[in-house]
PDB file of N, CA and C in Angstrom:
ATOM      1  N   MET A   1      91.684  95.351  78.207  1.00  0.00           N
ATOM      2  CA  MET A   1      90.806  94.238  77.929  1.00  0.00           C
ATOM      3  C   MET A   1      91.619  92.996  77.565  1.00  0.00           C
ATOM      4  N   VAL A   2      92.712  93.178  76.847  1.00  0.00           N
ATOM      5  CA  VAL A   2      93.550  92.040  76.481  1.00  0.00           C
ATOM      6  C   VAL A   2      94.098  91.375  77.741  1.00  0.00           C
ATOM      7  N   GLY A   3      94.464  92.180  78.730  1.00  0.00           N
ATOM      8  CA  GLY A   3      94.973  91.639  79.990  1.00  0.00           C
ATOM      9  C   GLY A   3      93.922  90.797  80.698  1.00  0.00           C
ATOM     10  N   ALA A   4      92.663  91.247  80.646  1.00  0.00           N
ATOM     11  CA  ALA A   4      91.574  90.489  81.277  1.00  0.00           C
ATOM     12  C   ALA A   4      91.373  89.162  80.561  1.00  0.00           C
ATOM     13  N   LEU A   5      91.442  89.174  79.238  1.00  0.00           N
ATOM     14  CA  LEU A   5      91.282  87.934  78.477  1.00  0.00           C
ATOM     15  C   LEU A   5      92.421  86.951  78.773  1.00  0.00           C
ATOM     16  N   LYS A   6      93.632  87.471  78.852  1.00  0.00           N
ATOM     17  CA  LYS A   6      94.775  86.606  79.149  1.00  0.00           C
ATOM     18  C   LYS A   6      94.662  86.042  80.560  1.00  0.00           C
ATOM     19  N   LEU A   7      94.289  86.872  81.502  1.00  0.00           N
ATOM     20  CA  LEU A   7      94.117  86.424  82.883  1.00  0.00           C
ATOM     21  C   LEU A   7      93.078  85.307  82.955  1.00  0.00           C
ATOM     22  N   ALA A   8      91.956  85.513  82.272  1.00  0.00           N
ATOM     23  CA  ALA A   8      90.887  84.508  82.271  1.00  0.00           C
ATOM     24  C   ALA A   8      91.369  83.195  81.660  1.00  0.00           C
ATOM     25  N   ALA A   9      92.096  83.269  80.561  1.00  0.00           N
ATOM     26  CA  ALA A   9      92.578  82.067  79.893  1.00  0.00           C
ATOM     27  C   ALA A   9      93.660  81.360  80.718  1.00  0.00           C
ATOM     28  N   ASP A  10      94.577  82.132  81.282  1.00  0.00           N
ATOM     29  CA  ASP A  10      95.681  81.550  82.046  1.00  0.00           C
ATOM     30  C   ASP A  10      95.214  80.837  83.308  1.00  0.00           C
ATOM     31  N   HIS A  11      94.121  81.328  83.899  1.00  0.00           N
ATOM     32  CA  HIS A  11      93.682  80.791  85.190  1.00  0.00           C
ATOM     33  C   HIS A  11      92.317  80.107  85.110  1.00  0.00           C
ATOM     34  N   ASN A  12      91.902  79.823  83.876  1.00  0.00           N
ATOM     35  CA  ASN A  12      90.671  79.066  83.648  1.00  0.00           C
ATOM     36  C   ASN A  12      89.485  79.628  84.433  1.00  0.00           C
ATOM     37  N   CYS A  13      89.301  80.939  84.317  1.00  0.00           N
ATOM     38  CA  CYS A  13      88.196  81.577  85.039  1.00  0.00           C
ATOM     39  C   CYS A  13      87.412  82.487  84.097  1.00  0.00           C
ATOM     40  N   GLN A  14      87.249  82.049  82.850  1.00  0.00           N
ATOM     41  CA  GLN A  14      86.587  82.869  81.841  1.00  0.00           C
ATOM     42  C   GLN A  14      85.173  83.263  82.274  1.00  0.00           C
ATOM     43  N   GLN A  15      84.417  82.293  82.735  1.00  0.00           N
ATOM     44  CA  GLN A  15      83.022  82.566  83.099  1.00  0.00           C
ATOM     45  C   GLN A  15      82.940  83.528  84.283  1.00  0.00           C
ATOM     46  N   ALA A  16      83.671  83.240  85.322  1.00  0.00           N
ATOM     47  CA  ALA A  16      83.621  84.075  86.524  1.00  0.00           C
ATOM     48  C   ALA A  16      84.115  85.486  86.239  1.00  0.00           C
ATOM     49  N   LEU A  17      85.205  85.609  85.501  1.00  0.00           N
ATOM     50  CA  LEU A  17      85.747  86.930  85.205  1.00  0.00           C
ATOM     51  C   LEU A  17      84.805  87.692  84.281  1.00  0.00           C
ATOM     52  N   GLY A  18      84.230  87.002  83.293  1.00  0.00           N
ATOM     53  CA  GLY A  18      83.270  87.653  82.391  1.00  0.00           C
ATOM     54  C   GLY A  18      82.051  88.143  83.133  1.00  0.00           C
ATOM     55  N   ASP A  19      81.517  87.309  84.024  1.00  0.00           N
ATOM     56  CA  ASP A  19      80.359  87.713  84.831  1.00  0.00           C
ATOM     57  C   ASP A  19      80.686  88.927  85.682  1.00  0.00           C
ATOM     58  N   TYR A  20      81.879  88.921  86.267  1.00  0.00           N
ATOM     59  CA  TYR A  20      82.299  90.040  87.108  1.00  0.00           C
ATOM     60  C   TYR A  20      82.423  91.323  86.289  1.00  0.00           C
ATOM     61  N   LEU A  21      83.023  91.231  85.113  1.00  0.00           N
ATOM     62  CA  LEU A  21      83.154  92.416  84.260  1.00  0.00           C
ATOM     63  C   LEU A  21      81.789  92.957  83.842  1.00  0.00           C
ATOM     64  N   LEU A  22      80.864  92.075  83.474  1.00  0.00           N
ATOM     65  CA  LEU A  22      79.514  92.525  83.089  1.00  0.00           C
ATOM     66  C   LEU A  22      78.806  93.189  84.266  1.00  0.00           C
ATOM     67  N   LYS A  23      78.914  92.591  85.429  1.00  0.00           N
ATOM     68  CA  LYS A  23      78.265  93.136  86.628  1.00  0.00           C
ATOM     69  C   LYS A  23      78.805  94.532  86.960  1.00  0.00           C
ATOM     70  N   THR A  24      80.130  94.671  86.930  1.00  0.00           N
ATOM     71  CA  THR A  24      80.709  95.980  87.260  1.00  0.00           C
ATOM     72  C   THR A  24      80.421  97.006  86.158  1.00  0.00           C
ATOM     73  N   ALA A  25      80.360  96.562  84.894  1.00  0.00           N
ATOM     74  CA  ALA A  25      80.056  97.481  83.791  1.00  0.00           C
ATOM     75  C   ALA A  25      78.628  97.997  83.902  1.00  0.00           C
ATOM     76  N   HIS A  26      77.708  97.137  84.312  1.00  0.00           N
ATOM     77  CA  HIS A  26      76.306  97.566  84.490  1.00  0.00           C
ATOM     78  C   HIS A  26      76.186  98.592  85.610  1.00  0.00           C
ATOM     79  N   CYS A  27      77.120  98.573  86.542  1.00  0.00           N
ATOM     80  CA  CYS A  27      77.125  99.552  87.636  1.00  0.00           C
ATOM     81  C   CYS A  27      77.876 100.819  87.241  1.00  0.00           C
ATOM     82  N   GLY A  28      78.363 100.865  85.994  1.00  0.00           N
ATOM     83  CA  GLY A  28      79.061 102.049  85.514  1.00  0.00           C
ATOM     84  C   GLY A  28      80.536 102.097  85.885  1.00  0.00           C
ATOM     85  N   GLU A  29      81.105 100.974  86.263  1.00  0.00           N
ATOM     86  CA  GLU A  29      82.514 100.924  86.643  1.00  0.00           C
ATOM     87  C   GLU A  29      83.213  99.803  85.881  1.00  0.00           C
ATOM     88  N   LEU A  30      84.500  99.908  85.813  1.00  0.00           N
ATOM     89  CA  LEU A  30      85.317  98.807  85.304  1.00  0.00           C
ATOM     90  C   LEU A  30      86.518  98.667  86.231  1.00  0.00           C
ATOM     91  N   PRO A  31      86.824  97.438  86.637  1.00  0.00           N
ATOM     92  CA  PRO A  31      87.962  97.251  87.540  1.00  0.00           C
ATOM     93  C   PRO A  31      89.284  97.476  86.814  1.00  0.00           C
ATOM     94  N   THR A  32      90.279  97.840  87.573  1.00  0.00           N
ATOM     95  CA  THR A  32      91.619  98.020  87.012  1.00  0.00           C
ATOM     96  C   THR A  32      92.249  96.649  86.771  1.00  0.00           C
ATOM     97  N   PRO A  33      93.244  96.584  85.909  1.00  0.00           N
ATOM     98  CA  PRO A  33      93.945  95.303  85.715  1.00  0.00           C
ATOM     99  C   PRO A  33      94.518  94.742  87.018  1.00  0.00           C
ATOM    100  N   VAL A  34      94.991  95.624  87.882  1.00  0.00           N
ATOM    101  CA  VAL A  34      95.540  95.172  89.170  1.00  0.00           C
ATOM    102  C   VAL A  34      94.433  94.546  90.022  1.00  0.00           C
ATOM    103  N   ALA A  35      93.268  95.169  90.040  1.00  0.00           N
ATOM    104  CA  ALA A  35      92.150  94.630  90.814  1.00  0.00           C
ATOM    105  C   ALA A  35      91.727  93.265  90.279  1.00  0.00           C
ATOM    106  N   LEU A  36      91.716  93.114  88.960  1.00  0.00           N
ATOM    107  CA  LEU A  36      91.366  91.817  88.369  1.00  0.00           C
ATOM    108  C   LEU A  36      92.410  90.766  88.730  1.00  0.00           C
ATOM    109  N   GLN A  37      93.686  91.143  88.687  1.00  0.00           N
ATOM    110  CA  GLN A  37      94.761  90.212  89.030  1.00  0.00           C
ATOM    111  C   GLN A  37      94.629  89.753  90.479  1.00  0.00           C
ATOM    112  N   GLU A  38      94.324  90.692  91.364  1.00  0.00           N
ATOM    113  CA  GLU A  38      94.187  90.346  92.783  1.00  0.00           C
ATOM    114  C   GLU A  38      92.988  89.434  93.021  1.00  0.00           C
ATOM    115  N   ARG A  39      91.921  89.657  92.270  1.00  0.00           N
ATOM    116  CA  ARG A  39      90.697  88.874  92.471  1.00  0.00           C
ATOM    117  C   ARG A  39      90.752  87.505  91.790  1.00  0.00           C
ATOM    118  N   PHE A  40      91.306  87.434  90.567  1.00  0.00           N
ATOM    119  CA  PHE A  40      91.239  86.203  89.786  1.00  0.00           C
ATOM    120  C   PHE A  40      92.594  85.531  89.548  1.00  0.00           C
ATOM    121  N   GLY A  41      93.671  86.228  89.847  1.00  0.00           N
ATOM    122  CA  GLY A  41      95.002  85.665  89.612  1.00  0.00           C
ATOM    123  C   GLY A  41      95.425  84.728  90.723  1.00  0.00           C
ATOM    124  N   PRO A  42      96.599  84.166  90.584  1.00  0.00           N
ATOM    125  CA  PRO A  42      97.090  83.262  91.619  1.00  0.00           C
ATOM    126  C   PRO A  42      97.408  84.043  92.889  1.00  0.00           C
ATOM    127  N   PRO A  43      97.356  83.379  94.036  1.00  0.00           N
ATOM    128  CA  PRO A  43      97.686  84.097  95.275  1.00  0.00           C
ATOM    129  C   PRO A  43      99.153  84.504  95.273  1.00  0.00           C
ATOM    130  N   ARG A  44      99.388  85.657  95.830  1.00  0.00           N
ATOM    131  CA  ARG A  44     100.768  86.127  95.925  1.00  0.00           C
ATOM    132  C   ARG A  44     101.476  85.358  97.026  1.00  0.00           C
ATOM    133  N   THR A  45     102.686  84.966  96.743  1.00  0.00           N
ATOM    134  CA  THR A  45     103.475  84.261  97.741  1.00  0.00           C
ATOM    135  C   THR A  45     104.681  85.096  98.108  1.00  0.00           C
ATOM    136  N   LYS A  46     105.127  84.913  99.316  1.00  0.00           N
ATOM    137  CA  LYS A  46     106.309  85.635  99.788  1.00  0.00           C
ATOM    138  C   LYS A  46     107.546  84.944  99.225  1.00  0.00           C
ATOM    139  N   PRO A  47     108.471  85.695  98.651  1.00  0.00           N
ATOM    140  CA  PRO A  47     109.687  85.058  98.130  1.00  0.00           C
ATOM    141  C   PRO A  47     110.490  84.442  99.278  1.00  0.00           C
ATOM    142  N   PRO A  48     111.208  83.382  99.003  1.00  0.00           N
ATOM    143  CA  PRO A  48     111.990  82.746 100.073  1.00  0.00           C
ATOM    144  C   PRO A  48     113.135  83.643 100.517  1.00  0.00           C
ATOM    145  N   GLU A  49     113.479  83.508 101.776  1.00  0.00           N
ATOM    146  CA  GLU A  49     114.631  84.252 102.283  1.00  0.00           C
ATOM    147  C   GLU A  49     115.892  83.485 101.906  1.00  0.00           C
ATOM    148  N   VAL A  50     116.872  84.206 101.427  1.00  0.00           N
ATOM    149  CA  VAL A  50     118.122  83.598 100.985  1.00  0.00           C
ATOM    150  C   VAL A  50     119.257  84.170 101.821  1.00  0.00           C
ATOM    151  N   ALA A  51     119.989  83.278 102.454  1.00  0.00           N
ATOM    152  CA  ALA A  51     121.142  83.721 103.243  1.00  0.00           C
ATOM    153  C   ALA A  51     122.311  83.952 102.299  1.00  0.00           C
ATOM    154  N   VAL A  52     122.920  85.114 102.416  1.00  0.00           N
ATOM    155  CA  VAL A  52     124.042  85.472 101.551  1.00  0.00           C
ATOM    156  C   VAL A  52     125.264  85.718 102.424  1.00  0.00           C
ATOM    157  N   VAL A  53     126.360  85.095 102.050  1.00  0.00           N
ATOM    158  CA  VAL A  53     127.610  85.274 102.783  1.00  0.00           C
ATOM    159  C   VAL A  53     128.552  86.091 101.913  1.00  0.00           C
ATOM    160  N   GLN A  54     129.030  87.208 102.453  1.00  0.00           N
ATOM    161  CA  GLN A  54     129.974  88.050 101.721  1.00  0.00           C
ATOM    162  C   GLN A  54     131.368  87.457 101.848  1.00  0.00           C
ATOM    163  N   HIS A  55     132.005  87.248 100.735  1.00  0.00           N
ATOM    164  CA  HIS A  55     133.362  86.715 100.736  1.00  0.00           C
ATOM    165  C   HIS A  55     134.342  87.799 101.170  1.00  0.00           C
ATOM    166  N   THR A  56     135.462  87.381 101.703  1.00  0.00           N
ATOM    167  CA  THR A  56     136.487  88.336 102.106  1.00  0.00           C
ATOM    168  C   THR A  56     137.266  88.793 100.876  1.00  0.00           C
ATOM    169  N   ALA A  57     137.955  89.886 100.998  1.00  0.00           N
ATOM    170  CA  ALA A  57     138.778  90.394  99.899  1.00  0.00           C
ATOM    171  C   ALA A  57     139.878  89.390  99.554  1.00  0.00           C
ATOM    172  N   ALA A  58     140.362  88.664 100.543  1.00  0.00           N
ATOM    173  CA  ALA A  58     141.408  87.665 100.302  1.00  0.00           C
ATOM    174  C   ALA A  58     140.899  86.556  99.386  1.00  0.00           C
ATOM    175  N   ASP A  59     139.637  86.219  99.489  1.00  0.00           N
ATOM    176  CA  ASP A  59     139.063  85.204  98.596  1.00  0.00           C
ATOM    177  C   ASP A  59     139.135  85.657  97.144  1.00  0.00           C
ATOM    178  N   TYR A  60     138.851  86.914  96.905  1.00  0.00           N
ATOM    179  CA  TYR A  60     138.918  87.446  95.539  1.00  0.00           C
ATOM    180  C   TYR A  60     140.366  87.506  95.052  1.00  0.00           C
ATOM    181  N   ASP A  61     141.275  87.876  95.950  1.00  0.00           N
ATOM    182  CA  ASP A  61     142.694  87.900  95.588  1.00  0.00           C
ATOM    183  C   ASP A  61     143.158  86.512  95.168  1.00  0.00           C
ATOM    184  N   ALA A  62     142.685  85.487  95.857  1.00  0.00           N
ATOM    185  CA  ALA A  62     143.072  84.117  95.522  1.00  0.00           C
ATOM    186  C   ALA A  62     142.560  83.734  94.136  1.00  0.00           C
ATOM    187  N   LEU A  63     141.410  84.240  93.762  1.00  0.00           N
ATOM    188  CA  LEU A  63     140.848  83.933  92.446  1.00  0.00           C
ATOM    189  C   LEU A  63     141.698  84.492  91.307  1.00  0.00           C
ATOM    190  N   ILE A  64     142.269  85.672  91.516  1.00  0.00           N
ATOM    191  CA  ILE A  64     143.051  86.281  90.436  1.00  0.00           C
ATOM    192  C   ILE A  64     144.552  86.021  90.586  1.00  0.00           C
ATOM    193  N   GLY A  65     144.913  85.238  91.586  1.00  0.00           N
ATOM    194  CA  GLY A  65     146.312  84.848  91.738  1.00  0.00           C
ATOM    195  C   GLY A  65     147.207  85.913  92.308  1.00  0.00           C
ATOM    196  N   CYS A  66     146.672  86.810  93.096  1.00  0.00           N
ATOM    197  CA  CYS A  66     147.473  87.885  93.689  1.00  0.00           C
ATOM    198  C   CYS A  66     147.666  87.625  95.177  1.00  0.00           C
ATOM    199  N   LYS A  67     148.759  88.094  95.659  1.00  0.00           N
ATOM    200  CA  LYS A  67     148.991  88.045  97.090  1.00  0.00           C
ATOM    201  C   LYS A  67     149.517  89.424  97.480  1.00  0.00           C
ATOM    202  N   PRO A  68     148.600  90.359  97.771  1.00  0.00           N
ATOM    203  CA  PRO A  68     149.049  91.725  98.046  1.00  0.00           C
ATOM    204  C   PRO A  68     149.765  91.829  99.387  1.00  0.00           C
ATOM    205  N   THR A  69     150.683  92.784  99.423  1.00  0.00           N
ATOM    206  CA  THR A  69     151.340  93.067 100.690  1.00  0.00           C
ATOM    207  C   THR A  69     150.437  93.996 101.477  1.00  0.00           C
ATOM    208  N   LYS A  70     150.627  94.027 102.748  1.00  0.00           N
ATOM    209  CA  LYS A  70     149.758  94.808 103.614  1.00  0.00           C
ATOM    210  C   LYS A  70     149.805  96.287 103.226  1.00  0.00           C
ATOM    211  N   GLY A  71     148.643  96.866 102.975  1.00  0.00           N
ATOM    212  CA  GLY A  71     148.539  98.273 102.648  1.00  0.00           C
ATOM    213  C   GLY A  71     148.821  98.616 101.194  1.00  0.00           C
ATOM    214  N   ALA A  72     149.185  97.636 100.374  1.00  0.00           N
ATOM    215  CA  ALA A  72     149.505  97.896  98.967  1.00  0.00           C
ATOM    216  C   ALA A  72     148.254  97.792  98.115  1.00  0.00           C
ATOM    217  N   THR A  73     148.244  98.530  97.037  1.00  0.00           N
ATOM    218  CA  THR A  73     147.169  98.446  96.064  1.00  0.00           C
ATOM    219  C   THR A  73     147.650  97.576  94.920  1.00  0.00           C
ATOM    220  N   VAL A  74     146.876  96.563  94.593  1.00  0.00           N
ATOM    221  CA  VAL A  74     147.265  95.634  93.544  1.00  0.00           C
ATOM    222  C   VAL A  74     146.484  95.957  92.284  1.00  0.00           C
ATOM    223  N   VAL A  75     147.208  96.141  91.192  1.00  0.00           N
ATOM    224  CA  VAL A  75     146.584  96.381  89.908  1.00  0.00           C
ATOM    225  C   VAL A  75     147.101  95.301  88.969  1.00  0.00           C
ATOM    226  N   GLN A  76     146.202  94.581  88.348  1.00  0.00           N
ATOM    227  CA  GLN A  76     146.602  93.546  87.418  1.00  0.00           C
ATOM    228  C   GLN A  76     146.089  93.924  86.044  1.00  0.00           C
ATOM    229  N   GLU A  77     146.994  93.983  85.091  1.00  0.00           N
ATOM    230  CA  GLU A  77     146.600  94.353  83.731  1.00  0.00           C
ATOM    231  C   GLU A  77     146.030  93.118  83.032  1.00  0.00           C
ATOM    232  N   VAL A  78     144.889  93.340  82.388  1.00  0.00           N
ATOM    233  CA  VAL A  78     144.239  92.255  81.667  1.00  0.00           C
ATOM    234  C   VAL A  78     144.232  92.603  80.200  1.00  0.00           C
ATOM    235  N   THR A  79     144.713  91.689  79.382  1.00  0.00           N
ATOM    236  CA  THR A  79     144.687  91.906  77.946  1.00  0.00           C
ATOM    237  C   THR A  79     143.741  90.918  77.324  1.00  0.00           C
ATOM    238  N   HIS A  80     143.065  91.344  76.302  1.00  0.00           N
ATOM    239  CA  HIS A  80     142.125  90.485  75.586  1.00  0.00           C
ATOM    240  C   HIS A  80     142.742  90.163  74.239  1.00  0.00           C
ATOM    241  N   GLY A  81     142.745  88.935  73.884  1.00  0.00           N
ATOM    242  CA  GLY A  81     143.386  88.607  72.625  1.00  0.00           C
ATOM    243  C   GLY A  81     142.740  87.534  71.931  1.00  0.00           C
TER     244      GLY A  81
END
């Protein structure tokens, strides 16, 4: 019920949501919070597509100041002080 009250207040649909709840209650049913959100909440929007470029390993090596030789494993000790 708290979710229904918040939904009504957030989207300025107190009267419509209250009427809907009373109508469904008189029929012996109560909608789920998800059903109320779908009916009275904001429309769902598709998130934007974001192009992501994977950096090469050499880019990361440049960040830490290493220049590994071919086939070598580079280990850099980090101290915190």
